[in-house]
């Protein structure tokens, strides 16, 4: 929740190294900050 941009960038860097993901468009690899924040809220509640 505190650093969604940093987490999104790290996920994009991690997944960009897979061969099949290289064929995906740039927009498909960008992490949405709202999804990262939502995942963080779910983890906090859990």
ModelCIF file with pLDDT and N, C-alpha, C, O atoms, coordinates in Angstrom:
data_MODEL
#
_entry.id   MODEL 
#
_entity.id                         1 
_entity.type                       polymer 
_entity.pdbx_number_of_molecules   1 
#
_entity_poly.entity_id                      1 
_entity_poly.type                           'polypeptide(L)' 
_entity_poly.nstd_linkage                   no 
_entity_poly.nstd_monomer                   no 
_entity_poly.pdbx_seq_one_letter_code       
;(UNK)(UNK)(UNK)(UNK)(UNK)(UNK)(UNK)(UNK)(UNK)(UNK)(UNK)(UNK)(UNK)(UNK)(UNK)(UNK)
(UNK)(UNK)(UNK)(UNK)(UNK)(UNK)(UNK)(UNK)(UNK)(UNK)(UNK)(UNK)(UNK)(UNK)(UNK)(UNK)
(UNK)(UNK)(UNK)(UNK)(UNK)(UNK)(UNK)(UNK)(UNK)(UNK)(UNK)(UNK)(UNK)(UNK)
;
_entity_poly.pdbx_seq_one_letter_code_can   XXXXXXXXXXXXXXXXXXXXXXXXXXXXXXXXXXXXXXXXXXXXXX 
_entity_poly.pdbx_strand_id                 A 
#
loop_
_entity_poly_seq.entity_id 
_entity_poly_seq.num 
_entity_poly_seq.mon_id 
_entity_poly_seq.hetero 
1 1  UNK n 
1 2  UNK n 
1 3  UNK n 
1 4  UNK n 
1 5  UNK n 
1 6  UNK n 
1 7  UNK n 
1 8  UNK n 
1 9  UNK n 
1 10 UNK n 
1 11 UNK n 
1 12 UNK n 
1 13 UNK n 
1 14 UNK n 
1 15 UNK n 
1 16 UNK n 
1 17 UNK n 
1 18 UNK n 
1 19 UNK n 
1 20 UNK n 
1 21 UNK n 
1 22 UNK n 
1 23 UNK n 
1 24 UNK n 
1 25 UNK n 
1 26 UNK n 
1 27 UNK n 
1 28 UNK n 
1 29 UNK n 
1 30 UNK n 
1 31 UNK n 
1 32 UNK n 
1 33 UNK n 
1 34 UNK n 
1 35 UNK n 
1 36 UNK n 
1 37 UNK n 
1 38 UNK n 
1 39 UNK n 
1 40 UNK n 
1 41 UNK n 
1 42 UNK n 
1 43 UNK n 
1 44 UNK n 
1 45 UNK n 
1 46 UNK n 
#
_struct_asym.id          A 
_struct_asym.entity_id   1 
#
loop_
_ma_qa_metric.id 
_ma_qa_metric.mode 
_ma_qa_metric.name 
_ma_qa_metric.software_group_id 
_ma_qa_metric.type 
1 global pLDDT . pLDDT 
2 local  pLDDT . pLDDT 
#
_ma_qa_metric_global.metric_id      1 
_ma_qa_metric_global.metric_value   84.28 
_ma_qa_metric_global.model_id       1 
_ma_qa_metric_global.ordinal_id     1 
#
loop_
_ma_qa_metric_local.label_asym_id 
_ma_qa_metric_local.label_comp_id 
_ma_qa_metric_local.label_seq_id 
_ma_qa_metric_local.metric_id 
_ma_qa_metric_local.metric_value 
_ma_qa_metric_local.model_id 
_ma_qa_metric_local.ordinal_id 
A UNK 1  2 96.00 1 1  
A UNK 2  2 97.00 1 2  
A UNK 3  2 95.00 1 3  
A UNK 4  2 93.00 1 4  
A UNK 5  2 91.00 1 5  
A UNK 6  2 93.00 1 6  
A UNK 7  2 91.00 1 7  
A UNK 8  2 87.00 1 8  
A UNK 9  2 87.00 1 9  
A UNK 10 2 89.00 1 10 
A UNK 11 2 84.00 1 11 
A UNK 12 2 81.00 1 12 
A UNK 13 2 82.00 1 13 
A UNK 14 2 83.00 1 14 
A UNK 15 2 79.00 1 15 
A UNK 16 2 76.00 1 16 
A UNK 17 2 78.00 1 17 
A UNK 18 2 78.00 1 18 
A UNK 19 2 77.00 1 19 
A UNK 20 2 73.00 1 20 
A UNK 21 2 69.00 1 21 
A UNK 22 2 69.00 1 22 
A UNK 23 2 73.00 1 23 
A UNK 24 2 70.00 1 24 
A UNK 25 2 71.00 1 25 
A UNK 26 2 68.00 1 26 
A UNK 27 2 71.00 1 27 
A UNK 28 2 71.00 1 28 
A UNK 29 2 64.00 1 29 
A UNK 30 2 69.00 1 30 
A UNK 31 2 67.00 1 31 
A UNK 32 2 83.00 1 32 
A UNK 33 2 88.00 1 33 
A UNK 34 2 89.00 1 34 
A UNK 35 2 91.00 1 35 
A UNK 36 2 92.00 1 36 
A UNK 37 2 94.00 1 37 
A UNK 38 2 94.00 1 38 
A UNK 39 2 95.00 1 39 
A UNK 40 2 96.00 1 40 
A UNK 41 2 97.00 1 41 
A UNK 42 2 97.00 1 42 
A UNK 43 2 97.00 1 43 
A UNK 44 2 98.00 1 44 
A UNK 45 2 97.00 1 45 
A UNK 46 2 97.00 1 46 
#
loop_
_atom_site.group_PDB 
_atom_site.id 
_atom_site.type_symbol 
_atom_site.label_atom_id 
_atom_site.label_alt_id 
_atom_site.label_comp_id 
_atom_site.label_asym_id 
_atom_site.label_entity_id 
_atom_site.label_seq_id 
_atom_site.pdbx_PDB_ins_code 
_atom_site.Cartn_x 
_atom_site.Cartn_y 
_atom_site.Cartn_z 
_atom_site.occupancy 
_atom_site.B_iso_or_equiv 
_atom_site.pdbx_formal_charge 
_atom_site.auth_seq_id 
_atom_site.auth_comp_id 
_atom_site.auth_asym_id 
_atom_site.auth_atom_id 
_atom_site.pdbx_PDB_model_num 
ATOM 1   N N  . UNK A 1 1  ? 0.830  -1.200  0.000   1.00 96.00 ? 1  UNK A N  1 
ATOM 2   C CA . UNK A 1 1  ? 0.000  0.000   0.000   1.00 96.00 ? 1  UNK A CA 1 
ATOM 3   C C  . UNK A 1 1  ? 0.874  1.264   0.000   1.00 96.00 ? 1  UNK A C  1 
ATOM 4   O O  . UNK A 1 1  ? 0.525  2.260   -0.634  1.00 96.00 ? 1  UNK A O  1 
ATOM 5   N N  . UNK A 1 2  ? 1.991  1.222   0.700   1.00 97.00 ? 2  UNK A N  1 
ATOM 6   C CA . UNK A 1 2  ? 2.844  2.405   0.819   1.00 97.00 ? 2  UNK A CA 1 
ATOM 7   C C  . UNK A 1 2  ? 3.645  2.686   -0.453  1.00 97.00 ? 2  UNK A C  1 
ATOM 8   O O  . UNK A 1 2  ? 3.897  3.849   -0.771  1.00 97.00 ? 2  UNK A O  1 
ATOM 9   N N  . UNK A 1 3  ? 4.047  1.652   -1.182  1.00 95.00 ? 3  UNK A N  1 
ATOM 10  C CA . UNK A 1 3  ? 4.898  1.836   -2.357  1.00 95.00 ? 3  UNK A CA 1 
ATOM 11  C C  . UNK A 1 3  ? 4.382  1.051   -3.563  1.00 95.00 ? 3  UNK A C  1 
ATOM 12  O O  . UNK A 1 3  ? 5.070  0.145   -4.033  1.00 95.00 ? 3  UNK A O  1 
ATOM 13  N N  . UNK A 1 4  ? 3.204  1.366   -4.074  1.00 93.00 ? 4  UNK A N  1 
ATOM 14  C CA . UNK A 1 4  ? 2.668  0.598   -5.202  1.00 93.00 ? 4  UNK A CA 1 
ATOM 15  C C  . UNK A 1 4  ? 3.465  0.787   -6.491  1.00 93.00 ? 4  UNK A C  1 
ATOM 16  O O  . UNK A 1 4  ? 3.582  -0.151  -7.280  1.00 93.00 ? 4  UNK A O  1 
ATOM 17  N N  . UNK A 1 5  ? 4.010  1.967   -6.718  1.00 91.00 ? 5  UNK A N  1 
ATOM 18  C CA . UNK A 1 5  ? 4.784  2.201   -7.937  1.00 91.00 ? 5  UNK A CA 1 
ATOM 19  C C  . UNK A 1 5  ? 6.055  1.378   -7.979  1.00 91.00 ? 5  UNK A C  1 
ATOM 20  O O  . UNK A 1 5  ? 6.422  0.828   -9.018  1.00 91.00 ? 5  UNK A O  1 
ATOM 21  N N  . UNK A 1 6  ? 6.715  1.299   -6.849  1.00 93.00 ? 6  UNK A N  1 
ATOM 22  C CA . UNK A 1 6  ? 7.961  0.517   -6.763  1.00 93.00 ? 6  UNK A CA 1 
ATOM 23  C C  . UNK A 1 6  ? 7.691  -0.973  -6.962  1.00 93.00 ? 6  UNK A C  1 
ATOM 24  O O  . UNK A 1 6  ? 8.456  -1.661  -7.638  1.00 93.00 ? 6  UNK A O  1 
ATOM 25  N N  . UNK A 1 7  ? 6.613  -1.464  -6.380  1.00 91.00 ? 7  UNK A N  1 
ATOM 26  C CA . UNK A 1 7  ? 6.261  -2.878  -6.517  1.00 91.00 ? 7  UNK A CA 1 
ATOM 27  C C  . UNK A 1 7  ? 5.866  -3.184  -7.958  1.00 91.00 ? 7  UNK A C  1 
ATOM 28  O O  . UNK A 1 7  ? 6.266  -4.213  -8.502  1.00 91.00 ? 7  UNK A O  1 
ATOM 29  N N  . UNK A 1 8  ? 5.086  -2.304  -8.580  1.00 87.00 ? 8  UNK A N  1 
ATOM 30  C CA . UNK A 1 8  ? 4.680  -2.506  -9.976  1.00 87.00 ? 8  UNK A CA 1 
ATOM 31  C C  . UNK A 1 8  ? 5.888  -2.565  -10.894 1.00 87.00 ? 8  UNK A C  1 
ATOM 32  O O  . UNK A 1 8  ? 5.952  -3.400  -11.796 1.00 87.00 ? 8  UNK A O  1 
ATOM 33  N N  . UNK A 1 9  ? 6.841  -1.680  -10.661 1.00 87.00 ? 9  UNK A N  1 
ATOM 34  C CA . UNK A 1 9  ? 8.056  -1.660  -11.484 1.00 87.00 ? 9  UNK A CA 1 
ATOM 35  C C  . UNK A 1 9  ? 8.873  -2.935  -11.278 1.00 87.00 ? 9  UNK A C  1 
ATOM 36  O O  . UNK A 1 9  ? 9.411  -3.488  -12.236 1.00 87.00 ? 9  UNK A O  1 
ATOM 37  N N  . UNK A 1 10 ? 8.965  -3.395  -10.047 1.00 89.00 ? 10 UNK A N  1 
ATOM 38  C CA . UNK A 1 10 ? 9.713  -4.625  -9.771  1.00 89.00 ? 10 UNK A CA 1 
ATOM 39  C C  . UNK A 1 10 ? 9.045  -5.834  -10.418 1.00 89.00 ? 10 UNK A C  1 
ATOM 40  O O  . UNK A 1 10 ? 9.729  -6.716  -10.937 1.00 89.00 ? 10 UNK A O  1 
ATOM 41  N N  . UNK A 1 11 ? 7.724  -5.880  -10.393 1.00 84.00 ? 11 UNK A N  1 
ATOM 42  C CA . UNK A 1 11 ? 7.010  -6.979  -11.047 1.00 84.00 ? 11 UNK A CA 1 
ATOM 43  C C  . UNK A 1 11 ? 7.203  -6.943  -12.559 1.00 84.00 ? 11 UNK A C  1 
ATOM 44  O O  . UNK A 1 11 ? 7.384  -7.982  -13.194 1.00 84.00 ? 11 UNK A O  1 
ATOM 45  N N  . UNK A 1 12 ? 7.164  -5.752  -13.127 1.00 81.00 ? 12 UNK A N  1 
ATOM 46  C CA . UNK A 1 12 ? 7.367  -5.627  -14.569 1.00 81.00 ? 12 UNK A CA 1 
ATOM 47  C C  . UNK A 1 12 ? 8.770  -6.098  -14.950 1.00 81.00 ? 12 UNK A C  1 
ATOM 48  O O  . UNK A 1 12 ? 8.939  -6.805  -15.943 1.00 81.00 ? 12 UNK A O  1 
ATOM 49  N N  . UNK A 1 13 ? 9.766  -5.711  -14.171 1.00 82.00 ? 13 UNK A N  1 
ATOM 50  C CA . UNK A 1 13 ? 11.137 -6.136  -14.443 1.00 82.00 ? 13 UNK A CA 1 
ATOM 51  C C  . UNK A 1 13 ? 11.282 -7.649  -14.313 1.00 82.00 ? 13 UNK A C  1 
ATOM 52  O O  . UNK A 1 13 ? 11.967 -8.280  -15.117 1.00 82.00 ? 13 UNK A O  1 
ATOM 53  N N  . UNK A 1 14 ? 10.639 -8.231  -13.300 1.00 83.00 ? 14 UNK A N  1 
ATOM 54  C CA . UNK A 1 14 ? 10.727 -9.672  -13.083 1.00 83.00 ? 14 UNK A CA 1 
ATOM 55  C C  . UNK A 1 14 ? 10.086 -10.441 -14.238 1.00 83.00 ? 14 UNK A C  1 
ATOM 56  O O  . UNK A 1 14 ? 10.686 -11.370 -14.779 1.00 83.00 ? 14 UNK A O  1 
ATOM 57  N N  . UNK A 1 15 ? 8.877  -10.055 -14.610 1.00 79.00 ? 15 UNK A N  1 
ATOM 58  C CA . UNK A 1 15 ? 8.163  -10.811 -15.633 1.00 79.00 ? 15 UNK A CA 1 
ATOM 59  C C  . UNK A 1 15 ? 8.657  -10.530 -17.044 1.00 79.00 ? 15 UNK A C  1 
ATOM 60  O O  . UNK A 1 15 ? 8.388  -11.320 -17.949 1.00 79.00 ? 15 UNK A O  1 
ATOM 61  N N  . UNK A 1 16 ? 9.365  -9.440  -17.259 1.00 76.00 ? 16 UNK A N  1 
ATOM 62  C CA . UNK A 1 16 ? 9.851  -9.139  -18.608 1.00 76.00 ? 16 UNK A CA 1 
ATOM 63  C C  . UNK A 1 16 ? 10.955 -10.091 -19.052 1.00 76.00 ? 16 UNK A C  1 
ATOM 64  O O  . UNK A 1 16 ? 11.312 -10.108 -20.230 1.00 76.00 ? 16 UNK A O  1 
ATOM 65  N N  . UNK A 1 17 ? 11.494 -10.874 -18.142 1.00 78.00 ? 17 UNK A N  1 
ATOM 66  C CA . UNK A 1 17 ? 12.568 -11.801 -18.484 1.00 78.00 ? 17 UNK A CA 1 
ATOM 67  C C  . UNK A 1 17 ? 12.069 -13.146 -19.013 1.00 78.00 ? 17 UNK A C  1 
ATOM 68  O O  . UNK A 1 17 ? 12.863 -13.960 -19.483 1.00 78.00 ? 17 UNK A O  1 
ATOM 69  N N  . UNK A 1 18 ? 10.758 -13.380 -18.940 1.00 78.00 ? 18 UNK A N  1 
ATOM 70  C CA . UNK A 1 18 ? 10.205 -14.620 -19.465 1.00 78.00 ? 18 UNK A CA 1 
ATOM 71  C C  . UNK A 1 18 ? 10.060 -14.518 -20.975 1.00 78.00 ? 18 UNK A C  1 
ATOM 72  O O  . UNK A 1 18 ? 9.649  -13.475 -21.483 1.00 78.00 ? 18 UNK A O  1 
ATOM 73  N N  . UNK A 1 19 ? 10.395 -15.598 -21.712 1.00 77.00 ? 19 UNK A N  1 
ATOM 74  C CA . UNK A 1 19 ? 10.374 -15.522 -23.188 1.00 77.00 ? 19 UNK A CA 1 
ATOM 75  C C  . UNK A 1 19 ? 9.005  -15.177 -23.782 1.00 77.00 ? 19 UNK A C  1 
ATOM 76  O O  . UNK A 1 19 ? 8.930  -14.348 -24.689 1.00 77.00 ? 19 UNK A O  1 
ATOM 77  N N  . UNK A 1 20 ? 7.946  -15.779 -23.304 1.00 73.00 ? 20 UNK A N  1 
ATOM 78  C CA . UNK A 1 20 ? 6.634  -15.517 -23.893 1.00 73.00 ? 20 UNK A CA 1 
ATOM 79  C C  . UNK A 1 20 ? 6.132  -14.113 -23.605 1.00 73.00 ? 20 UNK A C  1 
ATOM 80  O O  . UNK A 1 20 ? 5.359  -13.556 -24.385 1.00 73.00 ? 20 UNK A O  1 
ATOM 81  N N  . UNK A 1 21 ? 6.557  -13.547 -22.508 1.00 69.00 ? 21 UNK A N  1 
ATOM 82  C CA . UNK A 1 21 ? 6.096  -12.216 -22.135 1.00 69.00 ? 21 UNK A CA 1 
ATOM 83  C C  . UNK A 1 21 ? 6.726  -11.163 -23.034 1.00 69.00 ? 21 UNK A C  1 
ATOM 84  O O  . UNK A 1 21 ? 6.183  -10.068 -23.179 1.00 69.00 ? 21 UNK A O  1 
ATOM 85  N N  . UNK A 1 22 ? 7.846  -11.476 -23.629 1.00 69.00 ? 22 UNK A N  1 
ATOM 86  C CA . UNK A 1 22 ? 8.498  -10.516 -24.519 1.00 69.00 ? 22 UNK A CA 1 
ATOM 87  C C  . UNK A 1 22 ? 7.617  -10.139 -25.689 1.00 69.00 ? 22 UNK A C  1 
ATOM 88  O O  . UNK A 1 22 ? 7.754  -9.045  -26.237 1.00 69.00 ? 22 UNK A O  1 
ATOM 89  N N  . UNK A 1 23 ? 6.710  -11.028 -26.085 1.00 73.00 ? 23 UNK A N  1 
ATOM 90  C CA . UNK A 1 23 ? 5.816  -10.754 -27.209 1.00 73.00 ? 23 UNK A CA 1 
ATOM 91  C C  . UNK A 1 23 ? 4.632  -9.884  -26.803 1.00 73.00 ? 23 UNK A C  1 
ATOM 92  O O  . UNK A 1 23 ? 3.903  -9.397  -27.667 1.00 73.00 ? 23 UNK A O  1 
ATOM 93  N N  . UNK A 1 24 ? 4.434  -9.687  -25.536 1.00 70.00 ? 24 UNK A N  1 
ATOM 94  C CA . UNK A 1 24 ? 3.318  -8.855  -25.064 1.00 70.00 ? 24 UNK A CA 1 
ATOM 95  C C  . UNK A 1 24 ? 3.635  -7.388  -25.322 1.00 70.00 ? 24 UNK A C  1 
ATOM 96  O O  . UNK A 1 24 ? 4.796  -6.987  -25.395 1.00 70.00 ? 24 UNK A O  1 
ATOM 97  N N  . UNK A 1 25 ? 2.599  -6.619  -25.453 1.00 71.00 ? 25 UNK A N  1 
ATOM 98  C CA . UNK A 1 25 ? 2.782  -5.184  -25.646 1.00 71.00 ? 25 UNK A CA 1 
ATOM 99  C C  . UNK A 1 25 ? 3.276  -4.526  -24.368 1.00 71.00 ? 25 UNK A C  1 
ATOM 100 O O  . UNK A 1 25 ? 3.161  -5.094  -23.283 1.00 71.00 ? 25 UNK A O  1 
ATOM 101 N N  . UNK A 1 26 ? 3.814  -3.348  -24.500 1.00 68.00 ? 26 UNK A N  1 
ATOM 102 C CA . UNK A 1 26 ? 4.340  -2.620  -23.343 1.00 68.00 ? 26 UNK A CA 1 
ATOM 103 C C  . UNK A 1 26 ? 3.251  -2.333  -22.324 1.00 68.00 ? 26 UNK A C  1 
ATOM 104 O O  . UNK A 1 26 ? 3.491  -2.392  -21.118 1.00 68.00 ? 26 UNK A O  1 
ATOM 105 N N  . UNK A 1 27 ? 2.062  -2.025  -22.803 1.00 71.00 ? 27 UNK A N  1 
ATOM 106 C CA . UNK A 1 27 ? 0.963  -1.677  -21.897 1.00 71.00 ? 27 UNK A CA 1 
ATOM 107 C C  . UNK A 1 27 ? 0.519  -2.883  -21.066 1.00 71.00 ? 27 UNK A C  1 
ATOM 108 O O  . UNK A 1 27 ? 0.056  -2.719  -19.937 1.00 71.00 ? 27 UNK A O  1 
ATOM 109 N N  . UNK A 1 28 ? 0.655  -4.078  -21.610 1.00 71.00 ? 28 UNK A N  1 
ATOM 110 C CA . UNK A 1 28 ? 0.238  -5.273  -20.871 1.00 71.00 ? 28 UNK A CA 1 
ATOM 111 C C  . UNK A 1 28 ? 1.155  -5.565  -19.697 1.00 71.00 ? 28 UNK A C  1 
ATOM 112 O O  . UNK A 1 28 ? 0.738  -6.212  -18.737 1.00 71.00 ? 28 UNK A O  1 
ATOM 113 N N  . UNK A 1 29 ? 2.376  -5.107  -19.756 1.00 64.00 ? 29 UNK A N  1 
ATOM 114 C CA . UNK A 1 29 ? 3.325  -5.400  -18.685 1.00 64.00 ? 29 UNK A CA 1 
ATOM 115 C C  . UNK A 1 29 ? 3.305  -4.360  -17.570 1.00 64.00 ? 29 UNK A C  1 
ATOM 116 O O  . UNK A 1 29 ? 3.864  -4.594  -16.499 1.00 64.00 ? 29 UNK A O  1 
ATOM 117 N N  . UNK A 1 30 ? 2.682  -3.241  -17.803 1.00 69.00 ? 30 UNK A N  1 
ATOM 118 C CA . UNK A 1 30 ? 2.685  -2.222  -16.756 1.00 69.00 ? 30 UNK A CA 1 
ATOM 119 C C  . UNK A 1 30 ? 1.749  -2.633  -15.628 1.00 69.00 ? 30 UNK A C  1 
ATOM 120 O O  . UNK A 1 30 ? 0.603  -3.020  -15.859 1.00 69.00 ? 30 UNK A O  1 
ATOM 121 N N  . UNK A 1 31 ? 2.248  -2.544  -14.433 1.00 67.00 ? 31 UNK A N  1 
ATOM 122 C CA . UNK A 1 31 ? 1.434  -2.876  -13.268 1.00 67.00 ? 31 UNK A CA 1 
ATOM 123 C C  . UNK A 1 31 ? 0.528  -1.720  -12.910 1.00 67.00 ? 31 UNK A C  1 
ATOM 124 O O  . UNK A 1 31 ? 0.947  -0.563  -12.935 1.00 67.00 ? 31 UNK A O  1 
ATOM 125 N N  . UNK A 1 32 ? -0.682 -2.021  -12.584 1.00 83.00 ? 32 UNK A N  1 
ATOM 126 C CA . UNK A 1 32 ? -1.619 -0.973  -12.188 1.00 83.00 ? 32 UNK A CA 1 
ATOM 127 C C  . UNK A 1 32 ? -1.487 -0.738  -10.693 1.00 83.00 ? 32 UNK A C  1 
ATOM 128 O O  . UNK A 1 32 ? -1.626 -1.666  -9.896  1.00 83.00 ? 32 UNK A O  1 
ATOM 129 N N  . UNK A 1 33 ? -1.222 0.483   -10.322 1.00 88.00 ? 33 UNK A N  1 
ATOM 130 C CA . UNK A 1 33 ? -1.035 0.806   -8.913  1.00 88.00 ? 33 UNK A CA 1 
ATOM 131 C C  . UNK A 1 33 ? -2.275 0.473   -8.094  1.00 88.00 ? 33 UNK A C  1 
ATOM 132 O O  . UNK A 1 33 ? -2.162 0.067   -6.938  1.00 88.00 ? 33 UNK A O  1 
ATOM 133 N N  . UNK A 1 34 ? -3.454 0.639   -8.679  1.00 89.00 ? 34 UNK A N  1 
ATOM 134 C CA . UNK A 1 34 ? -4.691 0.340   -7.943  1.00 89.00 ? 34 UNK A CA 1 
ATOM 135 C C  . UNK A 1 34 ? -4.776 -1.149  -7.594  1.00 89.00 ? 34 UNK A C  1 
ATOM 136 O O  . UNK A 1 34 ? -5.255 -1.512  -6.520  1.00 89.00 ? 34 UNK A O  1 
ATOM 137 N N  . UNK A 1 35 ? -4.308 -2.007  -8.505  1.00 91.00 ? 35 UNK A N  1 
ATOM 138 C CA . UNK A 1 35 ? -4.322 -3.446  -8.220  1.00 91.00 ? 35 UNK A CA 1 
ATOM 139 C C  . UNK A 1 35 ? -3.337 -3.798  -7.111  1.00 91.00 ? 35 UNK A C  1 
ATOM 140 O O  . UNK A 1 35 ? -3.627 -4.643  -6.264  1.00 91.00 ? 35 UNK A O  1 
ATOM 141 N N  . UNK A 1 36 ? -2.191 -3.161  -7.115  1.00 92.00 ? 36 UNK A N  1 
ATOM 142 C CA . UNK A 1 36 ? -1.184 -3.413  -6.076  1.00 92.00 ? 36 UNK A CA 1 
ATOM 143 C C  . UNK A 1 36 ? -1.706 -2.943  -4.720  1.00 92.00 ? 36 UNK A C  1 
ATOM 144 O O  . UNK A 1 36 ? -1.530 -3.627  -3.712  1.00 92.00 ? 36 UNK A O  1 
ATOM 145 N N  . UNK A 1 37 ? -2.345 -1.783  -4.698  1.00 94.00 ? 37 UNK A N  1 
ATOM 146 C CA . UNK A 1 37 ? -2.920 -1.273  -3.448  1.00 94.00 ? 37 UNK A CA 1 
ATOM 147 C C  . UNK A 1 37 ? -4.041 -2.193  -2.971  1.00 94.00 ? 37 UNK A C  1 
ATOM 148 O O  . UNK A 1 37 ? -4.148 -2.478  -1.779  1.00 94.00 ? 37 UNK A O  1 
ATOM 149 N N  . UNK A 1 38 ? -4.878 -2.661  -3.905  1.00 94.00 ? 38 UNK A N  1 
ATOM 150 C CA . UNK A 1 38 ? -5.963 -3.576  -3.536  1.00 94.00 ? 38 UNK A CA 1 
ATOM 151 C C  . UNK A 1 38 ? -5.408 -4.874  -2.955  1.00 94.00 ? 38 UNK A C  1 
ATOM 152 O O  . UNK A 1 38 ? -5.934 -5.387  -1.967  1.00 94.00 ? 38 UNK A O  1 
ATOM 153 N N  . UNK A 1 39 ? -4.351 -5.405  -3.560  1.00 95.00 ? 39 UNK A N  1 
ATOM 154 C CA . UNK A 1 39 ? -3.722 -6.614  -3.019  1.00 95.00 ? 39 UNK A CA 1 
ATOM 155 C C  . UNK A 1 39 ? -3.160 -6.345  -1.626  1.00 95.00 ? 39 UNK A C  1 
ATOM 156 O O  . UNK A 1 39 ? -3.271 -7.190  -0.738  1.00 95.00 ? 39 UNK A O  1 
ATOM 157 N N  . UNK A 1 40 ? -2.563 -5.183  -1.434  1.00 96.00 ? 40 UNK A N  1 
ATOM 158 C CA . UNK A 1 40 ? -2.037 -4.831  -0.115  1.00 96.00 ? 40 UNK A CA 1 
ATOM 159 C C  . UNK A 1 40 ? -3.134 -4.751  0.930   1.00 96.00 ? 40 UNK A C  1 
ATOM 160 O O  . UNK A 1 40 ? -2.952 -5.211  2.057   1.00 96.00 ? 40 UNK A O  1 
ATOM 161 N N  . UNK A 1 41 ? -4.279 -4.167  0.566   1.00 97.00 ? 41 UNK A N  1 
ATOM 162 C CA . UNK A 1 41 ? -5.401 -4.075  1.501   1.00 97.00 ? 41 UNK A CA 1 
ATOM 163 C C  . UNK A 1 41 ? -5.931 -5.468  1.844   1.00 97.00 ? 41 UNK A C  1 
ATOM 164 O O  . UNK A 1 41 ? -6.256 -5.750  2.998   1.00 97.00 ? 41 UNK A O  1 
ATOM 165 N N  . UNK A 1 42 ? -6.015 -6.329  0.841   1.00 97.00 ? 42 UNK A N  1 
ATOM 166 C CA . UNK A 1 42 ? -6.465 -7.708  1.092   1.00 97.00 ? 42 UNK A CA 1 
ATOM 167 C C  . UNK A 1 42 ? -5.505 -8.416  2.039   1.00 97.00 ? 42 UNK A C  1 
ATOM 168 O O  . UNK A 1 42 ? -5.943 -9.138  2.935   1.00 97.00 ? 42 UNK A O  1 
ATOM 169 N N  . UNK A 1 43 ? -4.204 -8.218  1.854   1.00 97.00 ? 43 UNK A N  1 
ATOM 170 C CA . UNK A 1 43 ? -3.230 -8.849  2.746   1.00 97.00 ? 43 UNK A CA 1 
ATOM 171 C C  . UNK A 1 43 ? -3.329 -8.302  4.162   1.00 97.00 ? 43 UNK A C  1 
ATOM 172 O O  . UNK A 1 43 ? -3.215 -9.056  5.129   1.00 97.00 ? 43 UNK A O  1 
ATOM 173 N N  . UNK A 1 44 ? -3.539 -7.005  4.291   1.00 98.00 ? 44 UNK A N  1 
ATOM 174 C CA . UNK A 1 44 ? -3.679 -6.419  5.627   1.00 98.00 ? 44 UNK A CA 1 
ATOM 175 C C  . UNK A 1 44 ? -4.906 -6.985  6.331   1.00 98.00 ? 44 UNK A C  1 
ATOM 176 O O  . UNK A 1 44 ? -4.833 -7.378  7.496   1.00 98.00 ? 44 UNK A O  1 
ATOM 177 N N  . UNK A 1 45 ? -6.017 -7.027  5.635   1.00 97.00 ? 45 UNK A N  1 
ATOM 178 C CA . UNK A 1 45 ? -7.252 -7.553  6.245   1.00 97.00 ? 45 UNK A CA 1 
ATOM 179 C C  . UNK A 1 45 ? -7.081 -9.030  6.598   1.00 97.00 ? 45 UNK A C  1 
ATOM 180 O O  . UNK A 1 45 ? -7.496 -9.462  7.674   1.00 97.00 ? 45 UNK A O  1 
ATOM 181 N N  . UNK A 1 46 ? -6.472 -9.807  5.698   1.00 97.00 ? 46 UNK A N  1 
ATOM 182 C CA . UNK A 1 46 ? -6.252 -11.228 5.970   1.00 97.00 ? 46 UNK A CA 1 
ATOM 183 C C  . UNK A 1 46 ? -5.350 -11.415 7.187   1.00 97.00 ? 46 UNK A C  1 
ATOM 184 O O  . UNK A 1 46 ? -5.054 -12.548 7.568   1.00 97.00 ? 46 UNK A O  1 
#
